[in-house]
C-alpha atoms as a PDB file:
ATOM      1  CA  MET A   1     -21.181 -47.668  78.891  1.00  0.00           C
ATOM      2  CA  ALA A   2     -17.399 -47.430  78.452  1.00  0.00           C
ATOM      3  CA  ASP A   3     -16.509 -46.372  75.311  1.00  0.00           C
ATOM      4  CA  GLN A   4     -16.035 -49.497  72.953  1.00  0.00           C
ATOM      5  CA  HIS A   5     -13.797 -49.183  69.910  1.00  0.00           C
ATOM      6  CA  THR A   6     -14.592 -52.271  67.743  1.00  0.00           C
ATOM      7  CA  PRO A   7     -12.487 -52.875  63.938  1.00  0.00           C
ATOM      8  CA  ARG A   8     -15.797 -52.717  62.990  1.00  0.00           C
ATOM      9  CA  SER A   9     -17.423 -49.236  64.201  1.00  0.00           C
ATOM     10  CA  LEU A  10     -13.721 -47.504  63.804  1.00  0.00           C
ATOM     11  CA  ILE A  11     -13.515 -48.775  59.821  1.00  0.00           C
ATOM     12  CA  VAL A  12     -17.119 -46.933  60.119  1.00  0.00           C
ATOM     13  CA  SER A  13     -16.075 -44.065  61.544  1.00  0.00           C
ATOM     14  CA  LEU A  14     -12.950 -44.012  59.240  1.00  0.00           C
ATOM     15  CA  TYR A  15     -14.718 -43.944  56.254  1.00  0.00           C
ATOM     16  CA  GLY A  16     -17.363 -41.442  57.935  1.00  0.00           C
ATOM     17  CA  ALA A  17     -14.124 -39.054  58.114  1.00  0.00           C
ATOM     18  CA  HIS A  18     -12.245 -39.251  55.575  1.00  0.00           C
ATOM     19  CA  GLY A  19     -13.448 -42.458  53.278  1.00  0.00           C
ATOM     20  CA  ARG A  20     -16.164 -40.174  50.908  1.00  0.00           C
ATOM     21  CA  ASP A  21     -14.660 -39.142  47.969  1.00  0.00           C
ATOM     22  CA  PRO A  22     -17.184 -36.805  45.899  1.00  0.00           C
ATOM     23  CA  GLY A  23     -15.768 -38.862  43.031  1.00  0.00           C
ATOM     24  CA  GLY A  24     -16.553 -42.693  44.254  1.00  0.00           C
ATOM     25  CA  GLU A  25     -12.675 -43.477  44.613  1.00  0.00           C
ATOM     26  CA  PRO A  26     -12.020 -46.698  47.674  1.00  0.00           C
ATOM     27  CA  LEU A  27      -9.844 -46.414  49.892  1.00  0.00           C
ATOM     28  CA  PRO A  28      -7.083 -48.848  49.616  1.00  0.00           C
ATOM     29  CA  VAL A  29      -6.924 -52.194  51.355  1.00  0.00           C
ATOM     30  CA  ALA A  30      -3.432 -51.091  52.541  1.00  0.00           C
ATOM     31  CA  GLU A  31      -4.548 -47.444  53.652  1.00  0.00           C
ATOM     32  CA  LEU A  32      -7.430 -49.288  55.542  1.00  0.00           C
ATOM     33  CA  ILE A  33      -4.522 -51.133  57.090  1.00  0.00           C
ATOM     34  CA  ARG A  34      -2.241 -48.452  57.938  1.00  0.00           C
ATOM     35  CA  LEU A  35      -4.694 -45.950  58.833  1.00  0.00           C
ATOM     36  CA  LEU A  36      -6.322 -48.910  61.560  1.00  0.00           C
ATOM     37  CA  ALA A  37      -2.939 -49.951  62.537  1.00  0.00           C
ATOM     38  CA  VAL A  38      -2.983 -46.565  64.061  1.00  0.00           C
ATOM     39  CA  LEU A  39      -5.568 -47.128  66.549  1.00  0.00           C
ATOM     40  CA  GLY A  40      -3.871 -50.539  67.218  1.00  0.00           C
ATOM     41  CA  VAL A  41      -6.462 -52.916  65.125  1.00  0.00           C
ATOM     42  CA  ASP A  42      -4.311 -55.429  63.271  1.00  0.00           C
ATOM     43  CA  ALA A  43      -4.559 -56.822  59.921  1.00  0.00           C
ATOM     44  CA  PRO A  44      -6.920 -60.130  60.597  1.00  0.00           C
ATOM     45  CA  SER A  45      -9.237 -57.794  62.199  1.00  0.00           C
ATOM     46  CA  VAL A  46      -9.270 -55.390  59.498  1.00  0.00           C
ATOM     47  CA  ARG A  47      -9.791 -58.029  56.574  1.00  0.00           C
ATOM     48  CA  SER A  48     -12.279 -59.721  58.433  1.00  0.00           C
ATOM     49  CA  SER A  49     -14.511 -56.537  59.661  1.00  0.00           C
ATOM     50  CA  VAL A  50     -14.501 -55.395  56.553  1.00  0.00           C
ATOM     51  CA  SER A  51     -15.402 -58.870  55.050  1.00  0.00           C
ATOM     52  CA  ARG A  52     -18.749 -58.176  58.007  1.00  0.00           C
ATOM     53  CA  LEU A  53     -19.403 -54.842  56.328  1.00  0.00           C
ATOM     54  CA  LYS A  54     -19.124 -56.123  52.715  1.00  0.00           C
ATOM     55  CA  ARG A  55     -21.777 -58.959  53.754  1.00  0.00           C
ATOM     56  CA  ARG A  56     -23.856 -55.649  54.827  1.00  0.00           C
ATOM     57  CA  GLY A  57     -24.115 -54.352  51.984  1.00  0.00           C
ATOM     58  CA  LEU A  58     -21.982 -51.540  52.799  1.00  0.00           C
ATOM     59  CA  LEU A  59     -18.944 -51.456  51.402  1.00  0.00           C
ATOM     60  CA  VAL A  60     -18.531 -52.669  48.250  1.00  0.00           C
ATOM     61  CA  PRO A  61     -14.989 -53.873  46.616  1.00  0.00           C
ATOM     62  CA  ARG A  62     -13.883 -51.783  43.808  1.00  0.00           C
ATOM     63  CA  ARG A  63     -10.463 -50.923  41.888  1.00  0.00           C
ATOM     64  CA  THR A  64      -7.961 -47.962  42.683  1.00  0.00           C
ATOM     65  CA  ALA A  65      -7.419 -45.973  40.032  1.00  0.00           C
ATOM     66  CA  ASP A  66      -3.656 -47.027  40.055  1.00  0.00           C
ATOM     67  CA  GLY A  67      -5.476 -50.974  39.870  1.00  0.00           C
ATOM     68  CA  ALA A  68      -5.371 -52.154  44.123  1.00  0.00           C
ATOM     69  CA  ALA A  69      -7.616 -53.640  45.764  1.00  0.00           C
ATOM     70  CA  GLY A  70     -10.038 -51.312  48.091  1.00  0.00           C
ATOM     71  CA  TYR A  71     -13.613 -50.801  49.200  1.00  0.00           C
ATOM     72  CA  ALA A  72     -15.509 -47.260  48.312  1.00  0.00           C
ATOM     73  CA  LEU A  73     -19.256 -47.245  50.285  1.00  0.00           C
ATOM     74  CA  SER A  74     -22.230 -48.946  48.975  1.00  0.00           C
ATOM     75  CA  GLU A  75     -25.430 -46.638  48.206  1.00  0.00           C
ATOM     76  CA  GLU A  76     -27.259 -47.151  51.092  1.00  0.00           C
ATOM     77  CA  ALA A  77     -23.274 -46.311  53.560  1.00  0.00           C
ATOM     78  CA  ARG A  78     -24.227 -43.356  52.052  1.00  0.00           C
ATOM     79  CA  GLN A  79     -27.258 -42.364  52.735  1.00  0.00           C
ATOM     80  CA  LEU A  80     -26.794 -43.349  56.457  1.00  0.00           C
ATOM     81  CA  LEU A  81     -23.786 -41.180  56.958  1.00  0.00           C
ATOM     82  CA  ASP A  82     -25.654 -38.523  55.888  1.00  0.00           C
ATOM     83  CA  ASP A  83     -28.156 -39.530  58.166  1.00  0.00           C
ATOM     84  CA  GLY A  84     -25.590 -39.638  60.598  1.00  0.00           C
ATOM     85  CA  ASP A  85     -24.070 -36.108  59.867  1.00  0.00           C
ATOM     86  CA  ARG A  86     -27.577 -34.510  60.834  1.00  0.00           C
ATOM     87  CA  ARG A  87     -26.984 -35.876  64.393  1.00  0.00           C
ATOM     88  CA  ILE A  88     -23.887 -35.931  64.947  1.00  0.00           C
ATOM     89  CA  TYR A  89     -22.287 -32.530  63.516  1.00  0.00           C
ATOM     90  CA  PRO A  90     -24.206 -29.920  66.095  1.00  0.00           C
ATOM     91  CA  ASP A  91     -23.607 -27.527  62.889  1.00  0.00           C
ATOM     92  CA  ALA A  92     -25.755 -29.883  60.837  1.00  0.00           C
ATOM     93  CA  ARG A  93     -28.650 -29.990  63.141  1.00  0.00           C
ATOM     94  CA  GLY A  94     -30.311 -27.209  62.575  1.00  0.00           C
ATOM     95  CA  ALA A  95     -33.775 -25.600  64.194  1.00  0.00           C
ATOM     96  CA  ALA A  96     -35.263 -28.231  66.283  1.00  0.00           C
ATOM     97  CA  GLU A  97     -39.004 -28.831  64.382  1.00  0.00           C
ATOM     98  CA  PRO A  98     -41.811 -28.639  66.842  1.00  0.00           C
ATOM     99  CA  GLY A  99     -44.293 -31.523  67.827  1.00  0.00           C
ATOM    100  CA  TRP A 100     -44.051 -35.616  67.684  1.00  0.00           C
ATOM    101  CA  VAL A 101     -43.203 -38.974  65.481  1.00  0.00           C
ATOM    102  CA  LEU A 102     -44.845 -41.368  66.631  1.00  0.00           C
ATOM    103  CA  ALA A 103     -44.276 -45.307  65.460  1.00  0.00           C
ATOM    104  CA  VAL A 104     -47.216 -47.287  65.483  1.00  0.00           C
ATOM    105  CA  PHE A 105     -46.341 -50.987  64.479  1.00  0.00           C
ATOM    106  CA  SER A 106     -47.695 -54.510  64.490  1.00  0.00           C
ATOM    107  CA  VAL A 107     -46.090 -57.559  63.833  1.00  0.00           C
ATOM    108  CA  PRO A 108     -47.739 -60.873  63.371  1.00  0.00           C
ATOM    109  CA  GLU A 109     -46.604 -63.760  65.327  1.00  0.00           C
ATOM    110  CA  ALA A 110     -45.109 -65.572  62.857  1.00  0.00           C
ATOM    111  CA  GLU A 111     -43.028 -62.871  61.884  1.00  0.00           C
ATOM    112  CA  ARG A 112     -41.836 -61.904  65.269  1.00  0.00           C
ATOM    113  CA  HIS A 113     -38.158 -61.191  64.272  1.00  0.00           C
ATOM    114  CA  LYS A 114     -39.380 -59.190  62.535  1.00  0.00           C
ATOM    115  CA  ARG A 115     -40.715 -56.685  65.744  1.00  0.00           C
ATOM    116  CA  HIS A 116     -37.264 -57.802  68.253  1.00  0.00           C
ATOM    117  CA  LEU A 117     -35.731 -55.401  64.801  1.00  0.00           C
ATOM    118  CA  LEU A 118     -37.931 -53.053  64.219  1.00  0.00           C
ATOM    119  CA  ARG A 119     -37.780 -52.404  68.155  1.00  0.00           C
ATOM    120  CA  SER A 120     -33.806 -52.313  67.933  1.00  0.00           C
ATOM    121  CA  ARG A 121     -34.095 -50.297  65.273  1.00  0.00           C
ATOM    122  CA  LEU A 122     -36.553 -47.924  66.523  1.00  0.00           C
ATOM    123  CA  GLY A 123     -34.749 -47.737  69.766  1.00  0.00           C
ATOM    124  CA  ARG A 124     -31.236 -47.485  67.927  1.00  0.00           C
ATOM    125  CA  LEU A 125     -32.907 -44.420  66.186  1.00  0.00           C
ATOM    126  CA  GLY A 126     -33.139 -41.857  69.726  1.00  0.00           C
ATOM    127  CA  PHE A 127     -37.137 -42.731  69.968  1.00  0.00           C
ATOM    128  CA  GLY A 128     -38.820 -43.401  73.318  1.00  0.00           C
ATOM    129  CA  THR A 129     -41.524 -45.735  74.429  1.00  0.00           C
ATOM    130  CA  ALA A 130     -44.468 -44.086  74.932  1.00  0.00           C
ATOM    131  CA  ALA A 131     -46.870 -47.473  75.472  1.00  0.00           C
ATOM    132  CA  PRO A 132     -47.003 -51.299  73.867  1.00  0.00           C
ATOM    133  CA  GLY A 133     -46.507 -50.527  70.071  1.00  0.00           C
ATOM    134  CA  VAL A 134     -46.157 -47.160  70.014  1.00  0.00           C
ATOM    135  CA  TRP A 135     -42.316 -45.274  70.652  1.00  0.00           C
ATOM    136  CA  ILE A 136     -41.976 -41.673  70.267  1.00  0.00           C
ATOM    137  CA  ALA A 137     -39.517 -38.588  68.868  1.00  0.00           C
ATOM    138  CA  PRO A 138     -39.198 -35.565  68.223  1.00  0.00           C
ATOM    139  CA  ALA A 139     -40.556 -34.789  64.635  1.00  0.00           C
ATOM    140  CA  ALA A 140     -37.182 -34.240  63.600  1.00  0.00           C
ATOM    141  CA  LEU A 141     -36.463 -37.916  63.195  1.00  0.00           C
ATOM    142  CA  TYR A 142     -38.795 -38.308  61.112  1.00  0.00           C
ATOM    143  CA  GLU A 143     -37.078 -38.645  57.525  1.00  0.00           C
ATOM    144  CA  GLU A 144     -33.959 -40.558  58.525  1.00  0.00           C
ATOM    145  CA  THR A 145     -36.487 -42.831  60.487  1.00  0.00           C
ATOM    146  CA  ARG A 146     -38.614 -43.220  56.484  1.00  0.00           C
ATOM    147  CA  HIS A 147     -34.890 -43.513  55.331  1.00  0.00           C
ATOM    148  CA  THR A 148     -34.175 -46.534  58.511  1.00  0.00           C
ATOM    149  CA  LEU A 149     -37.397 -48.389  58.045  1.00  0.00           C
ATOM    150  CA  ARG A 150     -37.850 -48.350  54.055  1.00  0.00           C
ATOM    151  CA  ARG A 151     -33.731 -49.595  54.057  1.00  0.00           C
ATOM    152  CA  LEU A 152     -34.590 -52.253  56.641  1.00  0.00           C
ATOM    153  CA  GLN A 153     -38.160 -52.917  54.810  1.00  0.00           C
ATOM    154  CA  LEU A 154     -40.032 -52.985  57.482  1.00  0.00           C
ATOM    155  CA  GLU A 155     -42.332 -50.574  56.720  1.00  0.00           C
ATOM    156  CA  PRO A 156     -45.258 -52.574  55.621  1.00  0.00           C
ATOM    157  CA  TYR A 157     -45.136 -52.806  59.879  1.00  0.00           C
ATOM    158  CA  VAL A 158     -45.361 -49.558  61.102  1.00  0.00           C
ATOM    159  CA  ASP A 159     -48.103 -46.475  60.667  1.00  0.00           C
ATOM    160  CA  LEU A 160     -46.146 -43.239  61.019  1.00  0.00           C
ATOM    161  CA  PHE A 161     -47.516 -39.941  62.513  1.00  0.00           C
ATOM    162  CA  ARG A 162     -46.541 -36.125  63.507  1.00  0.00           C
ATOM    163  CA  GLY A 163     -49.184 -34.759  66.611  1.00  0.00           C
ATOM    164  CA  GLU A 164     -47.873 -33.010  70.035  1.00  0.00           C
ATOM    165  CA  HIS A 165     -48.455 -33.969  73.326  1.00  0.00           C
ATOM    166  CA  LEU A 166     -51.820 -32.405  74.847  1.00  0.00           C
ATOM    167  CA  GLY A 167     -51.293 -34.403  77.909  1.00  0.00           C
ATOM    168  CA  PHE A 168     -52.550 -35.487  80.727  1.00  0.00           C
ATOM    169  CA  THR A 169     -49.030 -35.421  81.852  1.00  0.00           C
ATOM    170  CA  ALA A 170     -46.497 -32.761  81.950  1.00  0.00           C
ATOM    171  CA  THR A 171     -44.676 -33.005  78.509  1.00  0.00           C
ATOM    172  CA  ALA A 172     -41.329 -32.328  80.527  1.00  0.00           C
ATOM    173  CA  GLU A 173     -42.335 -35.103  83.010  1.00  0.00           C
ATOM    174  CA  ALA A 174     -43.898 -37.763  80.560  1.00  0.00           C
ATOM    175  CA  VAL A 175     -40.495 -37.355  78.437  1.00  0.00           C
ATOM    176  CA  GLY A 176     -39.122 -39.401  82.044  1.00  0.00           C
ATOM    177  CA  ARG A 177     -41.461 -42.025  81.193  1.00  0.00           C
ATOM    178  CA  TRP A 178     -40.414 -42.556  77.548  1.00  0.00           C
ATOM    179  CA  TRP A 179     -36.457 -42.254  77.720  1.00  0.00           C
ATOM    180  CA  ASP A 180     -34.428 -42.822  80.390  1.00  0.00           C
ATOM    181  CA  LEU A 181     -33.048 -39.916  80.511  1.00  0.00           C
ATOM    182  CA  GLY A 182     -30.593 -40.276  83.503  1.00  0.00           C
ATOM    183  CA  ALA A 183     -28.897 -43.656  81.543  1.00  0.00           C
ATOM    184  CA  ILE A 184     -28.047 -41.197  78.769  1.00  0.00           C
ATOM    185  CA  ALA A 185     -26.590 -38.271  80.896  1.00  0.00           C
ATOM    186  CA  LYS A 186     -24.128 -41.468  82.247  1.00  0.00           C
ATOM    187  CA  LEU A 187     -23.399 -41.728  78.197  1.00  0.00           C
ATOM    188  CA  TYR A 188     -22.055 -37.501  78.167  1.00  0.00           C
ATOM    189  CA  GLU A 189     -20.430 -37.670  81.397  1.00  0.00           C
ATOM    190  CA  GLU A 190     -18.404 -40.732  80.539  1.00  0.00           C
ATOM    191  CA  PHE A 191     -17.609 -38.914  77.132  1.00  0.00           C
ATOM    192  CA  LEU A 192     -16.881 -35.504  78.581  1.00  0.00           C
ATOM    193  CA  ASP A 193     -14.655 -38.072  81.203  1.00  0.00           C
ATOM    194  CA  ARG A 194     -12.518 -38.700  78.430  1.00  0.00           C
ATOM    195  CA  HIS A 195     -12.315 -36.183  76.710  1.00  0.00           C
ATOM    196  CA  GLU A 196     -12.650 -33.334  78.400  1.00  0.00           C
ATOM    197  CA  PRO A 197      -8.691 -34.166  78.993  1.00  0.00           C
ATOM    198  CA  VAL A 198      -7.509 -34.965  75.525  1.00  0.00           C
ATOM    199  CA  LEU A 199      -9.499 -31.214  74.562  1.00  0.00           C
ATOM    200  CA  ARG A 200      -7.177 -29.584  77.017  1.00  0.00           C
ATOM    201  CA  ALA A 201      -4.094 -31.107  76.031  1.00  0.00           C
ATOM    202  CA  TRP A 202      -4.728 -29.285  72.571  1.00  0.00           C
ATOM    203  CA  SER A 203      -5.837 -26.547  73.882  1.00  0.00           C
ATOM    204  CA  GLY A 204      -1.915 -26.269  75.243  1.00  0.00           C
ATOM    205  CA  PRO A 205       1.637 -25.187  73.899  1.00  0.00           C
ATOM    206  CA  GLU A 206       2.859 -28.518  73.040  1.00  0.00           C
ATOM    207  CA  SER A 207       3.032 -29.684  69.476  1.00  0.00           C
ATOM    208  CA  HIS A 208       1.074 -32.417  68.296  1.00  0.00           C
ATOM    209  CA  SER A 209       2.142 -34.340  65.081  1.00  0.00           C
ATOM    210  CA  ASP A 210      -0.418 -34.802  62.706  1.00  0.00           C
ATOM    211  CA  GLU A 211      -0.672 -39.092  63.563  1.00  0.00           C
ATOM    212  CA  ASP A 212      -1.688 -37.819  67.044  1.00  0.00           C
ATOM    213  CA  ALA A 213      -4.145 -35.907  65.599  1.00  0.00           C
ATOM    214  CA  TYR A 214      -5.272 -37.670  63.375  1.00  0.00           C
ATOM    215  CA  ARG A 215      -5.882 -40.210  66.341  1.00  0.00           C
ATOM    216  CA  ALA A 216      -7.202 -37.938  69.059  1.00  0.00           C
ATOM    217  CA  HIS A 217     -10.351 -37.115  66.361  1.00  0.00           C
ATOM    218  CA  LEU A 218     -11.055 -40.747  65.469  1.00  0.00           C
ATOM    219  CA  LEU A 219     -11.134 -41.613  68.839  1.00  0.00           C
ATOM    220  CA  ALA A 220     -13.266 -38.407  69.733  1.00  0.00           C
ATOM    221  CA  LEU A 221     -15.985 -39.437  66.350  1.00  0.00           C
ATOM    222  CA  ASP A 222     -15.965 -43.054  67.305  1.00  0.00           C
ATOM    223  CA  SER A 223     -17.118 -42.410  70.497  1.00  0.00           C
ATOM    224  CA  TRP A 224     -19.301 -39.492  70.150  1.00  0.00           C
ATOM    225  CA  ARG A 225     -21.456 -40.791  67.187  1.00  0.00           C
ATOM    226  CA  ARG A 226     -23.070 -43.393  69.209  1.00  0.00           C
ATOM    227  CA  LEU A 227     -24.540 -40.127  71.729  1.00  0.00           C
ATOM    228  CA  PRO A 228     -26.846 -38.478  69.318  1.00  0.00           C
ATOM    229  CA  TYR A 229     -28.434 -41.378  68.777  1.00  0.00           C
ATOM    230  CA  ALA A 230     -28.786 -42.553  72.095  1.00  0.00           C
ATOM    231  CA  ASP A 231     -30.469 -38.976  72.881  1.00  0.00           C
ATOM    232  CA  PRO A 232     -33.178 -37.917  70.619  1.00  0.00           C
ATOM    233  CA  GLY A 233     -32.575 -34.914  70.874  1.00  0.00           C
ATOM    234  CA  LEU A 234     -35.433 -33.374  73.445  1.00  0.00           C
ATOM    235  CA  PRO A 235     -35.875 -29.449  73.323  1.00  0.00           C
ATOM    236  CA  GLY A 236     -33.884 -27.813  76.516  1.00  0.00           C
ATOM    237  CA  ASP A 237     -37.191 -27.115  78.464  1.00  0.00           C
ATOM    238  CA  LEU A 238     -37.920 -30.622  78.653  1.00  0.00           C
ATOM    239  CA  LEU A 239     -34.856 -31.538  79.763  1.00  0.00           C
ATOM    240  CA  PRO A 240     -33.759 -31.875  83.887  1.00  0.00           C
ATOM    241  CA  ALA A 241     -31.383 -28.890  85.322  1.00  0.00           C
ATOM    242  CA  GLY A 242     -27.577 -29.033  84.660  1.00  0.00           C
ATOM    243  CA  TRP A 243     -28.184 -32.031  81.182  1.00  0.00           C
ATOM    244  CA  PRO A 244     -24.579 -32.832  80.156  1.00  0.00           C
ATOM    245  CA  GLY A 245     -25.041 -32.805  76.565  1.00  0.00           C
ATOM    246  CA  GLY A 246     -24.952 -29.174  75.941  1.00  0.00           C
ATOM    247  CA  ARG A 247     -21.444 -29.551  77.302  1.00  0.00           C
ATOM    248  CA  ALA A 248     -20.262 -32.062  75.584  1.00  0.00           C
ATOM    249  CA  ALA A 249     -21.097 -30.958  72.307  1.00  0.00           C
ATOM    250  CA  ARG A 250     -19.201 -28.091  72.864  1.00  0.00           C
ATOM    251  CA  VAL A 251     -16.072 -30.632  73.275  1.00  0.00           C
ATOM    252  CA  PHE A 252     -16.682 -32.688  70.183  1.00  0.00           C
ATOM    253  CA  ALA A 253     -16.749 -29.818  67.935  1.00  0.00           C
ATOM    254  CA  ASP A 254     -13.993 -28.125  69.474  1.00  0.00           C
ATOM    255  CA  LEU A 255     -11.704 -30.986  68.963  1.00  0.00           C
ATOM    256  CA  HIS A 256     -13.812 -31.272  65.630  1.00  0.00           C
ATOM    257  CA  ALA A 257     -12.604 -28.050  64.692  1.00  0.00           C
ATOM    258  CA  ARG A 258      -8.688 -28.044  65.554  1.00  0.00           C
ATOM    259  CA  LEU A 259      -8.053 -32.075  65.159  1.00  0.00           C
ATOM    260  CA  ARG A 260      -9.909 -32.146  61.394  1.00  0.00           C
ATOM    261  CA  GLU A 261      -7.280 -30.382  58.934  1.00  0.00           C
ATOM    262  CA  PRO A 262      -4.342 -32.243  60.833  1.00  0.00           C
ATOM    263  CA  ALA A 263      -5.780 -35.694  60.837  1.00  0.00           C
ATOM    264  CA  ALA A 264      -7.041 -35.210  57.042  1.00  0.00           C
ATOM    265  CA  ARG A 265      -3.128 -34.689  56.359  1.00  0.00           C
ATOM    266  CA  PHE A 266      -2.555 -37.639  58.108  1.00  0.00           C
ATOM    267  CA  THR A 267      -4.758 -39.100  56.237  1.00  0.00           C
ATOM    268  CA  GLY A 268      -4.316 -38.188  52.714  1.00  0.00           C
ATOM    269  CA  ARG A 269      -7.992 -38.396  51.961  1.00  0.00           C
ATOM    270  CA  PRO A 270     -10.288 -35.138  51.942  1.00  0.00           C
ATOM    271  CA  ALA A 271     -11.041 -33.809  55.159  1.00  0.00           C
ATOM    272  CA  GLY A 272     -14.842 -34.327  56.482  1.00  0.00           C
ATOM    273  CA  ARG A 273     -17.342 -32.280  57.776  1.00  0.00           C
ATOM    274  CA  ARG A 274     -16.182 -28.666  58.691  1.00  0.00           C
END
């Protein structure tokens, strides 16, 4: 799937990279418009997307210290971004936890809309389908799964378990049923096709402006942050030979390391995660 840099997605990426002031200082609306214009997003699209994020409870209106209109992250949005950091930045993932987390759910027919929401959210978290109504993911996803189900008030319908796979199919073969590894690999390859040339350009002798760094950094972040959710983070010994995920992670990590400081200078906001 090709990159889809929608205005709403870019705004979320911008807040993730530069909008988490420790004091909760909001981003002024005028700054949001300026920073998104660099990426080709017009002011009406910014305002419309901010309104949708406000309705979803992710952004809250707040005045800046000098009285300008702005938007800050809600507590819910901060939790989402903090959870996302552990996915997005390879240095934050930590050692893989052994075992699996299972989500077993049952939703009454009268509330089938919640069944759809539950399936959708588990899929977005990186769960695979082990059997009807039984979803599976590496054990490391437990805390984020718990946060997400509670936030969406879906916990009454779900039981979570930890366990290990004991057969009868070999685990490396079983994960090929639980996840579409070919589709995930394709996402990584598309990321590499788009952003490896960017890394080569920034590794050369040419000079670049802080605005160039901001643009390249935010587009790379906006592309990358979807991938660790499609990929549940399976152990390497369960993945096919030549798996492109590690190479893609190194490209993103190198771009992030090179671009985060000049990007922060352009925004005038604190740099994102190191």
